[in-house]
PDB file of N, CA and C in Angstrom:
ATOM      1  N   MET A   1       0.815  -1.201   0.000  1.00  0.00           N
ATOM      2  CA  MET A   1       0.000   0.000   0.000  1.00  0.00           C
ATOM      3  C   MET A   1       0.857   1.262   0.000  1.00  0.00           C
ATOM      4  N   ILE A   2       1.921   1.269   0.784  1.00  0.00           N
ATOM      5  CA  ILE A   2       2.767   2.458   0.873  1.00  0.00           C
ATOM      6  C   ILE A   2       3.450   2.737  -0.466  1.00  0.00           C
ATOM      7  N   PHE A   3       3.833   1.663  -1.203  1.00  0.00           N
ATOM      8  CA  PHE A   3       4.476   1.877  -2.494  1.00  0.00           C
ATOM      9  C   PHE A   3       3.511   2.509  -3.494  1.00  0.00           C
ATOM     10  N   ARG A   4       2.251   2.120  -3.445  1.00  0.00           N
ATOM     11  CA  ARG A   4       1.257   2.722  -4.342  1.00  0.00           C
ATOM     12  C   ARG A   4       1.068   4.198  -4.020  1.00  0.00           C
ATOM     13  N   LEU A   5       0.974   4.529  -2.758  1.00  0.00           N
ATOM     14  CA  LEU A   5       0.823   5.932  -2.370  1.00  0.00           C
ATOM     15  C   LEU A   5       2.037   6.755  -2.776  1.00  0.00           C
ATOM     16  N   LEU A   6       3.216   6.198  -2.576  1.00  0.00           N
ATOM     17  CA  LEU A   6       4.435   6.905  -2.966  1.00  0.00           C
ATOM     18  C   LEU A   6       4.528   7.063  -4.483  1.00  0.00           C
ATOM     19  N   ALA A   7       4.080   6.042  -5.234  1.00  0.00           N
ATOM     20  CA  ALA A   7       4.063   6.140  -6.699  1.00  0.00           C
ATOM     21  C   ALA A   7       3.097   7.227  -7.149  1.00  0.00           C
ATOM     22  N   ASP A   8       1.927   7.283  -6.515  1.00  0.00           N
ATOM     23  CA  ASP A   8       0.964   8.341  -6.835  1.00  0.00           C
ATOM     24  C   ASP A   8       1.538   9.715  -6.502  1.00  0.00           C
ATOM     25  N   LEU A   9       2.218   9.800  -5.387  1.00  0.00           N
ATOM     26  CA  LEU A   9       2.862  11.063  -5.008  1.00  0.00           C
ATOM     27  C   LEU A   9       3.932  11.448  -6.034  1.00  0.00           C
ATOM     28  N   ALA A  10       4.682  10.469  -6.528  1.00  0.00           N
ATOM     29  CA  ALA A  10       5.701  10.744  -7.547  1.00  0.00           C
ATOM     30  C   ALA A  10       5.064  11.313  -8.816  1.00  0.00           C
ATOM     31  N   VAL A  11       3.889  10.809  -9.192  1.00  0.00           N
ATOM     32  CA  VAL A  11       3.189  11.326 -10.370  1.00  0.00           C
ATOM     33  C   VAL A  11       2.759  12.768 -10.138  1.00  0.00           C
ATOM     34  N   VAL A  12       2.221  13.061  -8.972  1.00  0.00           N
ATOM     35  CA  VAL A  12       1.788  14.428  -8.667  1.00  0.00           C
ATOM     36  C   VAL A  12       2.987  15.379  -8.675  1.00  0.00           C
ATOM     37  N   VAL A  13       4.091  14.968  -8.048  1.00  0.00           N
ATOM     38  CA  VAL A  13       5.306  15.794  -8.036  1.00  0.00           C
ATOM     39  C   VAL A  13       5.812  16.008  -9.461  1.00  0.00           C
ATOM     40  N   HIS A  14       5.763  14.952 -10.278  1.00  0.00           N
ATOM     41  CA  HIS A  14       6.199  15.054 -11.666  1.00  0.00           C
ATOM     42  C   HIS A  14       5.347  16.080 -12.426  1.00  0.00           C
ATOM     43  N   PHE A  15       4.042  16.019 -12.226  1.00  0.00           N
ATOM     44  CA  PHE A  15       3.139  16.967 -12.872  1.00  0.00           C
ATOM     45  C   PHE A  15       3.437  18.397 -12.418  1.00  0.00           C
ATOM     46  N   LEU A  16       3.633  18.585 -11.128  1.00  0.00           N
ATOM     47  CA  LEU A  16       3.949  19.917 -10.602  1.00  0.00           C
ATOM     48  C   LEU A  16       5.289  20.420 -11.142  1.00  0.00           C
ATOM     49  N   TRP A  17       6.247  19.521 -11.294  1.00  0.00           N
ATOM     50  CA  TRP A  17       7.557  19.896 -11.851  1.00  0.00           C
ATOM     51  C   TRP A  17       7.393  20.373 -13.294  1.00  0.00           C
ATOM     52  N   ILE A  18       6.570  19.667 -14.072  1.00  0.00           N
ATOM     53  CA  ILE A  18       6.329  20.065 -15.453  1.00  0.00           C
ATOM     54  C   ILE A  18       5.668  21.445 -15.495  1.00  0.00           C
ATOM     55  N   LEU A  19       4.688  21.665 -14.637  1.00  0.00           N
ATOM     56  CA  LEU A  19       4.061  22.986 -14.571  1.00  0.00           C
ATOM     57  C   LEU A  19       5.071  24.067 -14.200  1.00  0.00           C
ATOM     58  N   PHE A  20       5.969  23.747 -13.264  1.00  0.00           N
ATOM     59  CA  PHE A  20       7.007  24.700 -12.871  1.00  0.00           C
ATOM     60  C   PHE A  20       7.915  25.022 -14.057  1.00  0.00           C
ATOM     61  N   LEU A  21       8.268  24.011 -14.848  1.00  0.00           N
ATOM     62  CA  LEU A  21       9.124  24.263 -16.009  1.00  0.00           C
ATOM     63  C   LEU A  21       8.416  25.139 -17.034  1.00  0.00           C
ATOM     64  N   ILE A  22       7.110  24.973 -17.165  1.00  0.00           N
ATOM     65  CA  ILE A  22       6.351  25.767 -18.129  1.00  0.00           C
ATOM     66  C   ILE A  22       6.131  27.194 -17.630  1.00  0.00           C
ATOM     67  N   LEU A  23       5.802  27.346 -16.361  1.00  0.00           N
ATOM     68  CA  LEU A  23       5.391  28.649 -15.829  1.00  0.00           C
ATOM     69  C   LEU A  23       6.402  29.301 -14.882  1.00  0.00           C
ATOM     70  N   GLY A  24       7.494  28.641 -14.614  1.00  0.00           N
ATOM     71  CA  GLY A  24       8.426  29.112 -13.594  1.00  0.00           C
ATOM     72  C   GLY A  24       9.071  30.450 -13.857  1.00  0.00           C
ATOM     73  N   ALA A  25       9.142  30.852 -15.112  1.00  0.00           N
ATOM     74  CA  ALA A  25       9.783  32.138 -15.415  1.00  0.00           C
ATOM     75  C   ALA A  25       8.995  33.302 -14.830  1.00  0.00           C
ATOM     76  N   VAL A  26       7.706  33.117 -14.666  1.00  0.00           N
ATOM     77  CA  VAL A  26       6.887  34.191 -14.082  1.00  0.00           C
ATOM     78  C   VAL A  26       7.376  34.501 -12.673  1.00  0.00           C
ATOM     79  N   ALA A  27       7.539  33.466 -11.860  1.00  0.00           N
ATOM     80  CA  ALA A  27       8.057  33.664 -10.501  1.00  0.00           C
ATOM     81  C   ALA A  27       9.559  33.930 -10.526  1.00  0.00           C
ATOM     82  N   GLY A  28      10.251  33.372 -11.514  1.00  0.00           N
ATOM     83  CA  GLY A  28      11.699  33.568 -11.616  1.00  0.00           C
ATOM     84  C   GLY A  28      12.090  35.006 -11.895  1.00  0.00           C
ATOM     85  N   ARG A  29      11.215  35.747 -12.537  1.00  0.00           N
ATOM     86  CA  ARG A  29      11.504  37.166 -12.789  1.00  0.00           C
ATOM     87  C   ARG A  29      11.455  37.969 -11.503  1.00  0.00           C
ATOM     88  N   ILE A  30      10.746  37.448 -10.512  1.00  0.00           N
ATOM     89  CA  ILE A  30      10.589  38.163  -9.243  1.00  0.00           C
ATOM     90  C   ILE A  30      11.622  37.706  -8.215  1.00  0.00           C
ATOM     91  N   HIS A  31      11.860  36.401  -8.160  1.00  0.00           N
ATOM     92  CA  HIS A  31      12.753  35.821  -7.148  1.00  0.00           C
ATOM     93  C   HIS A  31      13.959  35.175  -7.812  1.00  0.00           C
ATOM     94  N   ARG A  32      15.126  35.653  -7.467  1.00  0.00           N
ATOM     95  CA  ARG A  32      16.354  35.181  -8.087  1.00  0.00           C
ATOM     96  C   ARG A  32      16.596  33.693  -7.828  1.00  0.00           C
ATOM     97  N   THR A  33      16.311  33.210  -6.624  1.00  0.00           N
ATOM     98  CA  THR A  33      16.538  31.796  -6.313  1.00  0.00           C
ATOM     99  C   THR A  33      15.668  30.907  -7.199  1.00  0.00           C
ATOM    100  N   ILE A  34      14.409  31.282  -7.355  1.00  0.00           N
ATOM    101  CA  ILE A  34      13.507  30.517  -8.216  1.00  0.00           C
ATOM    102  C   ILE A  34      14.006  30.549  -9.657  1.00  0.00           C
ATOM    103  N   LYS A  35      14.526  31.687 -10.068  1.00  0.00           N
ATOM    104  CA  LYS A  35      15.057  31.823 -11.427  1.00  0.00           C
ATOM    105  C   LYS A  35      16.170  30.803 -11.677  1.00  0.00           C
ATOM    106  N   TYR A  36      17.099  30.676 -10.747  1.00  0.00           N
ATOM    107  CA  TYR A  36      18.215  29.755 -10.946  1.00  0.00           C
ATOM    108  C   TYR A  36      17.750  28.302 -10.916  1.00  0.00           C
ATOM    109  N   ILE A  37      16.810  27.980 -10.042  1.00  0.00           N
ATOM    110  CA  ILE A  37      16.262  26.620 -10.003  1.00  0.00           C
ATOM    111  C   ILE A  37      15.526  26.336 -11.313  1.00  0.00           C
ATOM    112  N   HIS A  38      14.769  27.310 -11.778  1.00  0.00           N
ATOM    113  CA  HIS A  38      14.013  27.151 -13.016  1.00  0.00           C
ATOM    114  C   HIS A  38      14.931  26.961 -14.214  1.00  0.00           C
ATOM    115  N   ILE A  39      15.931  27.794 -14.344  1.00  0.00           N
ATOM    116  CA  ILE A  39      16.867  27.680 -15.468  1.00  0.00           C
ATOM    117  C   ILE A  39      17.610  26.348 -15.406  1.00  0.00           C
ATOM    118  N   GLY A  40      18.014  25.939 -14.213  1.00  0.00           N
ATOM    119  CA  GLY A  40      18.664  24.637 -14.067  1.00  0.00           C
ATOM    120  C   GLY A  40      17.733  23.493 -14.449  1.00  0.00           C
ATOM    121  N   GLY A  41      16.471  23.598 -14.060  1.00  0.00           N
ATOM    122  CA  GLY A  41      15.486  22.579 -14.418  1.00  0.00           C
ATOM    123  C   GLY A  41      15.255  22.511 -15.918  1.00  0.00           C
ATOM    124  N   LEU A  42      15.188  23.671 -16.565  1.00  0.00           N
ATOM    125  CA  LEU A  42      15.033  23.695 -18.020  1.00  0.00           C
ATOM    126  C   LEU A  42      16.241  23.072 -18.717  1.00  0.00           C
ATOM    127  N   ALA A  43      17.429  23.404 -18.228  1.00  0.00           N
ATOM    128  CA  ALA A  43      18.647  22.831 -18.812  1.00  0.00           C
ATOM    129  C   ALA A  43      18.662  21.311 -18.626  1.00  0.00           C
ATOM    130  N   PHE A  44      18.263  20.855 -17.449  1.00  0.00           N
ATOM    131  CA  PHE A  44      18.217  19.423 -17.173  1.00  0.00           C
ATOM    132  C   PHE A  44      17.192  18.741 -18.083  1.00  0.00           C
ATOM    133  N   ALA A  45      16.014  19.341 -18.249  1.00  0.00           N
ATOM    134  CA  ALA A  45      14.984  18.767 -19.122  1.00  0.00           C
ATOM    135  C   ALA A  45      15.463  18.696 -20.564  1.00  0.00           C
ATOM    136  N   LEU A  46      16.138  19.743 -21.024  1.00  0.00           N
ATOM    137  CA  LEU A  46      16.674  19.747 -22.382  1.00  0.00           C
ATOM    138  C   LEU A  46      17.736  18.668 -22.538  1.00  0.00           C
ATOM    139  N   MET A  47      18.599  18.516 -21.540  1.00  0.00           N
ATOM    140  CA  MET A  47      19.630  17.476 -21.573  1.00  0.00           C
ATOM    141  C   MET A  47      18.992  16.086 -21.625  1.00  0.00           C
ATOM    142  N   LEU A  48      17.961  15.861 -20.813  1.00  0.00           N
ATOM    143  CA  LEU A  48      17.283  14.558 -20.818  1.00  0.00           C
ATOM    144  C   LEU A  48      16.746  14.239 -22.203  1.00  0.00           C
ATOM    145  N   GLN A  49      16.127  15.223 -22.849  1.00  0.00           N
ATOM    146  CA  GLN A  49      15.556  14.988 -24.169  1.00  0.00           C
ATOM    147  C   GLN A  49      16.638  14.806 -25.224  1.00  0.00           C
ATOM    148  N   ALA A  50      17.681  15.627 -25.177  1.00  0.00           N
ATOM    149  CA  ALA A  50      18.750  15.547 -26.178  1.00  0.00           C
ATOM    150  C   ALA A  50      19.504  14.222 -26.098  1.00  0.00           C
ATOM    151  N   LEU A  51      19.665  13.705 -24.893  1.00  0.00           N
ATOM    152  CA  LEU A  51      20.405  12.451 -24.702  1.00  0.00           C
ATOM    153  C   LEU A  51      19.498  11.225 -24.663  1.00  0.00           C
ATOM    154  N   ASP A  52      18.186  11.444 -24.835  1.00  0.00           N
ATOM    155  CA  ASP A  52      17.194  10.370 -24.834  1.00  0.00           C
ATOM    156  C   ASP A  52      17.216   9.579 -23.529  1.00  0.00           C
ATOM    157  N   TRP A  53      17.301  10.313 -22.426  1.00  0.00           N
ATOM    158  CA  TRP A  53      17.244   9.694 -21.096  1.00  0.00           C
ATOM    159  C   TRP A  53      15.840   9.853 -20.537  1.00  0.00           C
ATOM    160  N   TYR A  54      15.507   8.992 -19.583  1.00  0.00           N
ATOM    161  CA  TYR A  54      14.233   9.130 -18.887  1.00  0.00           C
ATOM    162  C   TYR A  54      14.415  10.015 -17.669  1.00  0.00           C
ATOM    163  N   CYS A  55      13.375  10.728 -17.343  1.00  0.00           N
ATOM    164  CA  CYS A  55      13.382  11.571 -16.154  1.00  0.00           C
ATOM    165  C   CYS A  55      13.518  10.681 -14.915  1.00  0.00           C
ATOM    166  N   PRO A  56      14.304  11.094 -13.933  1.00  0.00           N
ATOM    167  CA  PRO A  56      14.423  10.310 -12.698  1.00  0.00           C
ATOM    168  C   PRO A  56      13.087  10.097 -11.994  1.00  0.00           C
ATOM    169  N   LEU A  57      12.154  11.036 -12.138  1.00  0.00           N
ATOM    170  CA  LEU A  57      10.833  10.856 -11.526  1.00  0.00           C
ATOM    171  C   LEU A  57      10.066   9.718 -12.207  1.00  0.00           C
ATOM    172  N   THR A  58      10.281   9.536 -13.496  1.00  0.00           N
ATOM    173  CA  THR A  58       9.665   8.408 -14.202  1.00  0.00           C
ATOM    174  C   THR A  58      10.220   7.097 -13.666  1.00  0.00           C
ATOM    175  N   HIS A  59      11.536   7.026 -13.545  1.00  0.00           N
ATOM    176  CA  HIS A  59      12.169   5.812 -12.991  1.00  0.00           C
ATOM    177  C   HIS A  59      11.655   5.535 -11.583  1.00  0.00           C
ATOM    178  N   LEU A  60      11.549   6.563 -10.774  1.00  0.00           N
ATOM    179  CA  LEU A  60      11.069   6.388  -9.401  1.00  0.00           C
ATOM    180  C   LEU A  60       9.654   5.842  -9.386  1.00  0.00           C
ATOM    181  N   GLU A  61       8.788   6.420 -10.202  1.00  0.00           N
ATOM    182  CA  GLU A  61       7.405   5.944 -10.219  1.00  0.00           C
ATOM    183  C   GLU A  61       7.325   4.494 -10.674  1.00  0.00           C
ATOM    184  N   VAL A  62       8.049   4.136 -11.722  1.00  0.00           N
ATOM    185  CA  VAL A  62       8.042   2.751 -12.220  1.00  0.00           C
ATOM    186  C   VAL A  62       8.548   1.805 -11.141  1.00  0.00           C
ATOM    187  N   TRP A  63       9.608   2.189 -10.464  1.00  0.00           N
ATOM    188  CA  TRP A  63      10.178   1.346  -9.401  1.00  0.00           C
ATOM    189  C   TRP A  63       9.173   1.156  -8.267  1.00  0.00           C
ATOM    190  N   LEU A  64       8.534   2.245  -7.870  1.00  0.00           N
ATOM    191  CA  LEU A  64       7.547   2.156  -6.790  1.00  0.00           C
ATOM    192  C   LEU A  64       6.349   1.303  -7.201  1.00  0.00           C
ATOM    193  N   ARG A  65       5.875   1.473  -8.434  1.00  0.00           N
ATOM    194  CA  ARG A  65       4.739   0.667  -8.891  1.00  0.00           C
ATOM    195  C   ARG A  65       5.124  -0.808  -8.979  1.00  0.00           C
ATOM    196  N   ALA A  66       6.334  -1.096  -9.411  1.00  0.00           N
ATOM    197  CA  ALA A  66       6.790  -2.486  -9.494  1.00  0.00           C
ATOM    198  C   ALA A  66       6.851  -3.123  -8.108  1.00  0.00           C
ATOM    199  N   HIS A  67       7.189  -2.347  -7.102  1.00  0.00           N
ATOM    200  CA  HIS A  67       7.227  -2.883  -5.740  1.00  0.00           C
ATOM    201  C   HIS A  67       5.834  -3.034  -5.145  1.00  0.00           C
ATOM    202  N   HIS A  68       4.905  -2.244  -5.628  1.00  0.00           N
ATOM    203  CA  HIS A  68       3.526  -2.375  -5.147  1.00  0.00           C
ATOM    204  C   HIS A  68       2.865  -3.589  -5.778  1.00  0.00           C
ATOM    205  N   ASP A  69       2.877  -3.658  -7.108  1.00  0.00           N
ATOM    206  CA  ASP A  69       2.246  -4.759  -7.829  1.00  0.00           C
ATOM    207  C   ASP A  69       2.806  -4.768  -9.242  1.00  0.00           C
ATOM    208  N   PRO A  70       3.706  -5.694  -9.546  1.00  0.00           N
ATOM    209  CA  PRO A  70       4.345  -5.714 -10.868  1.00  0.00           C
ATOM    210  C   PRO A  70       3.354  -5.814 -12.030  1.00  0.00           C
ATOM    211  N   ALA A  71       2.203  -6.387 -11.821  1.00  0.00           N
ATOM    212  CA  ALA A  71       1.232  -6.566 -12.902  1.00  0.00           C
ATOM    213  C   ALA A  71       0.142  -5.497 -12.856  1.00  0.00           C
ATOM    214  N   GLN A  72       0.392  -4.431 -12.141  1.00  0.00           N
ATOM    215  CA  GLN A  72      -0.650  -3.430 -11.929  1.00  0.00           C
ATOM    216  C   GLN A  72      -1.050  -2.728 -13.219  1.00  0.00           C
ATOM    217  N   ALA A  73      -2.320  -2.751 -13.469  1.00  0.00           N
ATOM    218  CA  ALA A  73      -2.891  -1.942 -14.544  1.00  0.00           C
ATOM    219  C   ALA A  73      -3.519  -0.738 -13.863  1.00  0.00           C
ATOM    220  N   TYR A  74      -4.312   0.021 -14.576  1.00  0.00           N
ATOM    221  CA  TYR A  74      -4.946   1.168 -13.952  1.00  0.00           C
ATOM    222  C   TYR A  74      -5.829   0.704 -12.800  1.00  0.00           C
ATOM    223  N   ALA A  75      -5.506   1.188 -11.651  1.00  0.00           N
ATOM    224  CA  ALA A  75      -6.300   0.912 -10.458  1.00  0.00           C
ATOM    225  C   ALA A  75      -6.068   2.066  -9.510  1.00  0.00           C
ATOM    226  N   GLY A  76      -7.065   2.397  -8.756  1.00  0.00           N
ATOM    227  CA  GLY A  76      -6.875   3.452  -7.777  1.00  0.00           C
ATOM    228  C   GLY A  76      -7.398   4.778  -8.263  1.00  0.00           C
ATOM    229  N   SER A  77      -6.696   5.814  -7.940  1.00  0.00           N
ATOM    230  CA  SER A  77      -7.147   7.184  -8.152  1.00  0.00           C
ATOM    231  C   SER A  77      -7.299   7.520  -9.631  1.00  0.00           C
ATOM    232  N   TYR A  78      -8.457   8.025  -9.995  1.00  0.00           N
ATOM    233  CA  TYR A  78      -8.662   8.452 -11.376  1.00  0.00           C
ATOM    234  C   TYR A  78      -7.846   9.709 -11.676  1.00  0.00           C
ATOM    235  N   ILE A  79      -7.587  10.507 -10.663  1.00  0.00           N
ATOM    236  CA  ILE A  79      -6.770  11.713 -10.864  1.00  0.00           C
ATOM    237  C   ILE A  79      -5.368  11.306 -11.301  1.00  0.00           C
ATOM    238  N   ILE A  80      -4.792  10.347 -10.602  1.00  0.00           N
ATOM    239  CA  ILE A  80      -3.452   9.853 -10.967  1.00  0.00           C
ATOM    240  C   ILE A  80      -3.490   9.253 -12.365  1.00  0.00           C
ATOM    241  N   HIS A  81      -4.539   8.512 -12.658  1.00  0.00           N
ATOM    242  CA  HIS A  81      -4.672   7.896 -13.981  1.00  0.00           C
ATOM    243  C   HIS A  81      -4.600   8.956 -15.076  1.00  0.00           C
ATOM    244  N   TYR A  82      -5.316  10.057 -14.913  1.00  0.00           N
ATOM    245  CA  TYR A  82      -5.329  11.088 -15.945  1.00  0.00           C
ATOM    246  C   TYR A  82      -4.076  11.962 -15.915  1.00  0.00           C
ATOM    247  N   LEU A  83      -3.503  12.161 -14.754  1.00  0.00           N
ATOM    248  CA  LEU A  83      -2.223  12.884 -14.700  1.00  0.00           C
ATOM    249  C   LEU A  83      -1.153  12.101 -15.454  1.00  0.00           C
ATOM    250  N   GLU A  84      -1.167  10.772 -15.303  1.00  0.00           N
ATOM    251  CA  GLU A  84      -0.197   9.949 -16.026  1.00  0.00           C
ATOM    252  C   GLU A  84      -0.382  10.082 -17.531  1.00  0.00           C
ATOM    253  N   LYS A  85      -1.600  10.208 -17.990  1.00  0.00           N
ATOM    254  CA  LYS A  85      -1.851  10.390 -19.425  1.00  0.00           C
ATOM    255  C   LYS A  85      -1.262  11.718 -19.923  1.00  0.00           C
ATOM    256  N   VAL A  86      -1.268  12.736 -19.082  1.00  0.00           N
ATOM    257  CA  VAL A  86      -0.696  14.030 -19.458  1.00  0.00           C
ATOM    258  C   VAL A  86       0.829  13.971 -19.404  1.00  0.00           C
ATOM    259  N   ILE A  87       1.359  13.362 -18.360  1.00  0.00           N
ATOM    260  CA  ILE A  87       2.808  13.333 -18.167  1.00  0.00           C
ATOM    261  C   ILE A  87       3.493  12.404 -19.159  1.00  0.00           C
ATOM    262  N   TYR A  88       2.914  11.254 -19.387  1.00  0.00           N
ATOM    263  CA  TYR A  88       3.544  10.243 -20.234  1.00  0.00           C
ATOM    264  C   TYR A  88       2.842  10.150 -21.581  1.00  0.00           C
ATOM    265  N   VAL A  89       2.613  11.285 -22.200  1.00  0.00           N
ATOM    266  CA  VAL A  89       1.940  11.347 -23.487  1.00  0.00           C
ATOM    267  C   VAL A  89       2.774  10.615 -24.544  1.00  0.00           C
ATOM    268  N   GLU A  90       2.075   9.911 -25.430  1.00  0.00           N
ATOM    269  CA  GLU A  90       2.743   9.155 -26.493  1.00  0.00           C
ATOM    270  C   GLU A  90       3.053  10.085 -27.666  1.00  0.00           C
ATOM    271  N   VAL A  91       4.262  10.608 -27.682  1.00  0.00           N
ATOM    272  CA  VAL A  91       4.701  11.522 -28.736  1.00  0.00           C
ATOM    273  C   VAL A  91       6.096  11.108 -29.151  1.00  0.00           C
ATOM    274  N   ASP A  92       6.397  11.300 -30.412  1.00  0.00           N
ATOM    275  CA  ASP A  92       7.718  10.991 -30.958  1.00  0.00           C
ATOM    276  C   ASP A  92       8.803  11.731 -30.159  1.00  0.00           C
ATOM    277  N   ARG A  93       9.937  11.082 -29.950  1.00  0.00           N
ATOM    278  CA  ARG A  93      11.050  11.648 -29.173  1.00  0.00           C
ATOM    279  C   ARG A  93      11.504  12.986 -29.739  1.00  0.00           C
ATOM    280  N   TRP A  94      11.570  13.107 -31.054  1.00  0.00           N
ATOM    281  CA  TRP A  94      12.040  14.360 -31.663  1.00  0.00           C
ATOM    282  C   TRP A  94      11.035  15.487 -31.473  1.00  0.00           C
ATOM    283  N   THR A  95       9.773  15.154 -31.452  1.00  0.00           N
ATOM    284  CA  THR A  95       8.750  16.167 -31.184  1.00  0.00           C
ATOM    285  C   THR A  95       8.924  16.719 -29.778  1.00  0.00           C
ATOM    286  N   ILE A  96       9.170  15.825 -28.831  1.00  0.00           N
ATOM    287  CA  ILE A  96       9.388  16.259 -27.442  1.00  0.00           C
ATOM    288  C   ILE A  96      10.650  17.129 -27.356  1.00  0.00           C
ATOM    289  N   LEU A  97      11.701  16.744 -28.068  1.00  0.00           N
ATOM    290  CA  LEU A  97      12.934  17.532 -28.064  1.00  0.00           C
ATOM    291  C   LEU A  97      12.673  18.929 -28.631  1.00  0.00           C
ATOM    292  N   VAL A  98      11.932  19.026 -29.720  1.00  0.00           N
ATOM    293  CA  VAL A  98      11.610  20.328 -30.322  1.00  0.00           C
ATOM    294  C   VAL A  98      10.762  21.162 -29.363  1.00  0.00           C
ATOM    295  N   LEU A  99       9.766  20.535 -28.740  1.00  0.00           N
ATOM    296  CA  LEU A  99       8.919  21.265 -27.794  1.00  0.00           C
ATOM    297  C   LEU A  99       9.698  21.719 -26.562  1.00  0.00           C
ATOM    298  N   THR A 100      10.606  20.876 -26.076  1.00  0.00           N
ATOM    299  CA  THR A 100      11.429  21.250 -24.928  1.00  0.00           C
ATOM    300  C   THR A 100      12.347  22.413 -25.292  1.00  0.00           C
ATOM    301  N   THR A 101      12.932  22.365 -26.475  1.00  0.00           N
ATOM    302  CA  THR A 101      13.787  23.462 -26.937  1.00  0.00           C
ATOM    303  C   THR A 101      12.978  24.748 -27.071  1.00  0.00           C
ATOM    304  N   ALA A 102      11.775  24.641 -27.635  1.00  0.00           N
ATOM    305  CA  ALA A 102      10.909  25.820 -27.764  1.00  0.00           C
ATOM    306  C   ALA A 102      10.543  26.383 -26.387  1.00  0.00           C
ATOM    307  N   LEU A 103      10.274  25.500 -25.432  1.00  0.00           N
ATOM    308  CA  LEU A 103       9.968  25.948 -24.077  1.00  0.00           C
ATOM    309  C   LEU A 103      11.157  26.701 -23.479  1.00  0.00           C
ATOM    310  N   CYS A 104      12.348  26.174 -23.674  1.00  0.00           N
ATOM    311  CA  CYS A 104      13.545  26.856 -23.156  1.00  0.00           C
ATOM    312  C   CYS A 104      13.716  28.220 -23.807  1.00  0.00           C
ATOM    313  N   LEU A 105      13.552  28.293 -25.118  1.00  0.00           N
ATOM    314  CA  LEU A 105      13.690  29.576 -25.810  1.00  0.00           C
ATOM    315  C   LEU A 105      12.617  30.569 -25.371  1.00  0.00           C
ATOM    316  N   PHE A 106      11.404  30.080 -25.180  1.00  0.00           N
ATOM    317  CA  PHE A 106      10.328  30.940 -24.695  1.00  0.00           C
ATOM    318  C   PHE A 106      10.668  31.517 -23.328  1.00  0.00           C
ATOM    319  N   ASN A 107      11.214  30.684 -22.452  1.00  0.00           N
ATOM    320  CA  ASN A 107      11.580  31.151 -21.121  1.00  0.00           C
ATOM    321  C   ASN A 107      12.763  32.104 -21.157  1.00  0.00           C
ATOM    322  N   VAL A 108      13.705  31.889 -22.057  1.00  0.00           N
ATOM    323  CA  VAL A 108      14.799  32.850 -22.231  1.00  0.00           C
ATOM    324  C   VAL A 108      14.218  34.196 -22.633  1.00  0.00           C
ATOM    325  N   TRP A 109      13.248  34.192 -23.535  1.00  0.00           N
ATOM    326  CA  TRP A 109      12.590  35.428 -23.957  1.00  0.00           C
ATOM    327  C   TRP A 109      11.913  36.114 -22.771  1.00  0.00           C
ATOM    328  N   ILE A 110      11.223  35.332 -21.954  1.00  0.00           N
ATOM    329  CA  ILE A 110      10.563  35.917 -20.772  1.00  0.00           C
ATOM    330  C   ILE A 110      11.587  36.533 -19.833  1.00  0.00           C
ATOM    331  N   TYR A 111      12.682  35.829 -19.581  1.00  0.00           N
ATOM    332  CA  TYR A 111      13.688  36.364 -18.662  1.00  0.00           C
ATOM    333  C   TYR A 111      14.361  37.609 -19.257  1.00  0.00           C
ATOM    334  N   ARG A 112      14.624  37.607 -20.532  1.00  0.00           N
ATOM    335  CA  ARG A 112      15.269  38.774 -21.150  1.00  0.00           C
ATOM    336  C   ARG A 112      14.347  39.991 -21.152  1.00  0.00           C
ATOM    337  N   ARG A 113      13.056  39.774 -21.281  1.00  0.00           N
ATOM    338  CA  ARG A 113      12.100  40.881 -21.223  1.00  0.00           C
ATOM    339  C   ARG A 113      12.118  41.544 -19.870  1.00  0.00           C
ATOM    340  N   GLY A 114      12.424  40.764 -18.828  1.00  0.00           N
ATOM    341  CA  GLY A 114      12.387  41.287 -17.469  1.00  0.00           C
ATOM    342  C   GLY A 114      13.645  42.049 -17.080  1.00  0.00           C
ATOM    343  N   ARG A 115      14.696  41.984 -17.930  1.00  0.00           N
ATOM    344  CA  ARG A 115      15.933  42.693 -17.595  1.00  0.00           C
ATOM    345  C   ARG A 115      15.779  44.181 -17.805  1.00  0.00           C
ATOM    346  N   LYS A 116      16.412  44.915 -16.956  1.00  0.00           N
ATOM    347  CA  LYS A 116      16.371  46.366 -17.073  1.00  0.00           C
ATOM    348  C   LYS A 116      17.697  46.877 -17.624  1.00  0.00           C
ATOM    349  N   GLY A 117      17.585  47.744 -18.589  1.00  0.00           N
ATOM    350  CA  GLY A 117      18.727  48.437 -19.150  1.00  0.00           C
ATOM    351  C   GLY A 117      19.699  47.557 -19.720  1.00  0.00           C
TER     352      GLY A 117
END
């Protein structure tokens, strides 16, 4: 039971991390610490896509689910079920790389707009 709860928590954290990568520049323009965490996260996401690696949160969730029930299909929270569909969308690797690069460039634009002088 604890492994299932932890796996569900990993999915929620993963979703929140993705939202932070998409929207983090808004808070990053205000708070320098958030800006550096956000830029580092974007760089890490771009590296994962460029090198065709899996996100550590994906590995964690798979490991936790395997310890809960190796044959587990969709069971439990419908919220987690649909969050997983958003997080683990079936898209070509190169499409994800292009979208990740576009996200990084968009955030660079947001940060540059916020600079003074």
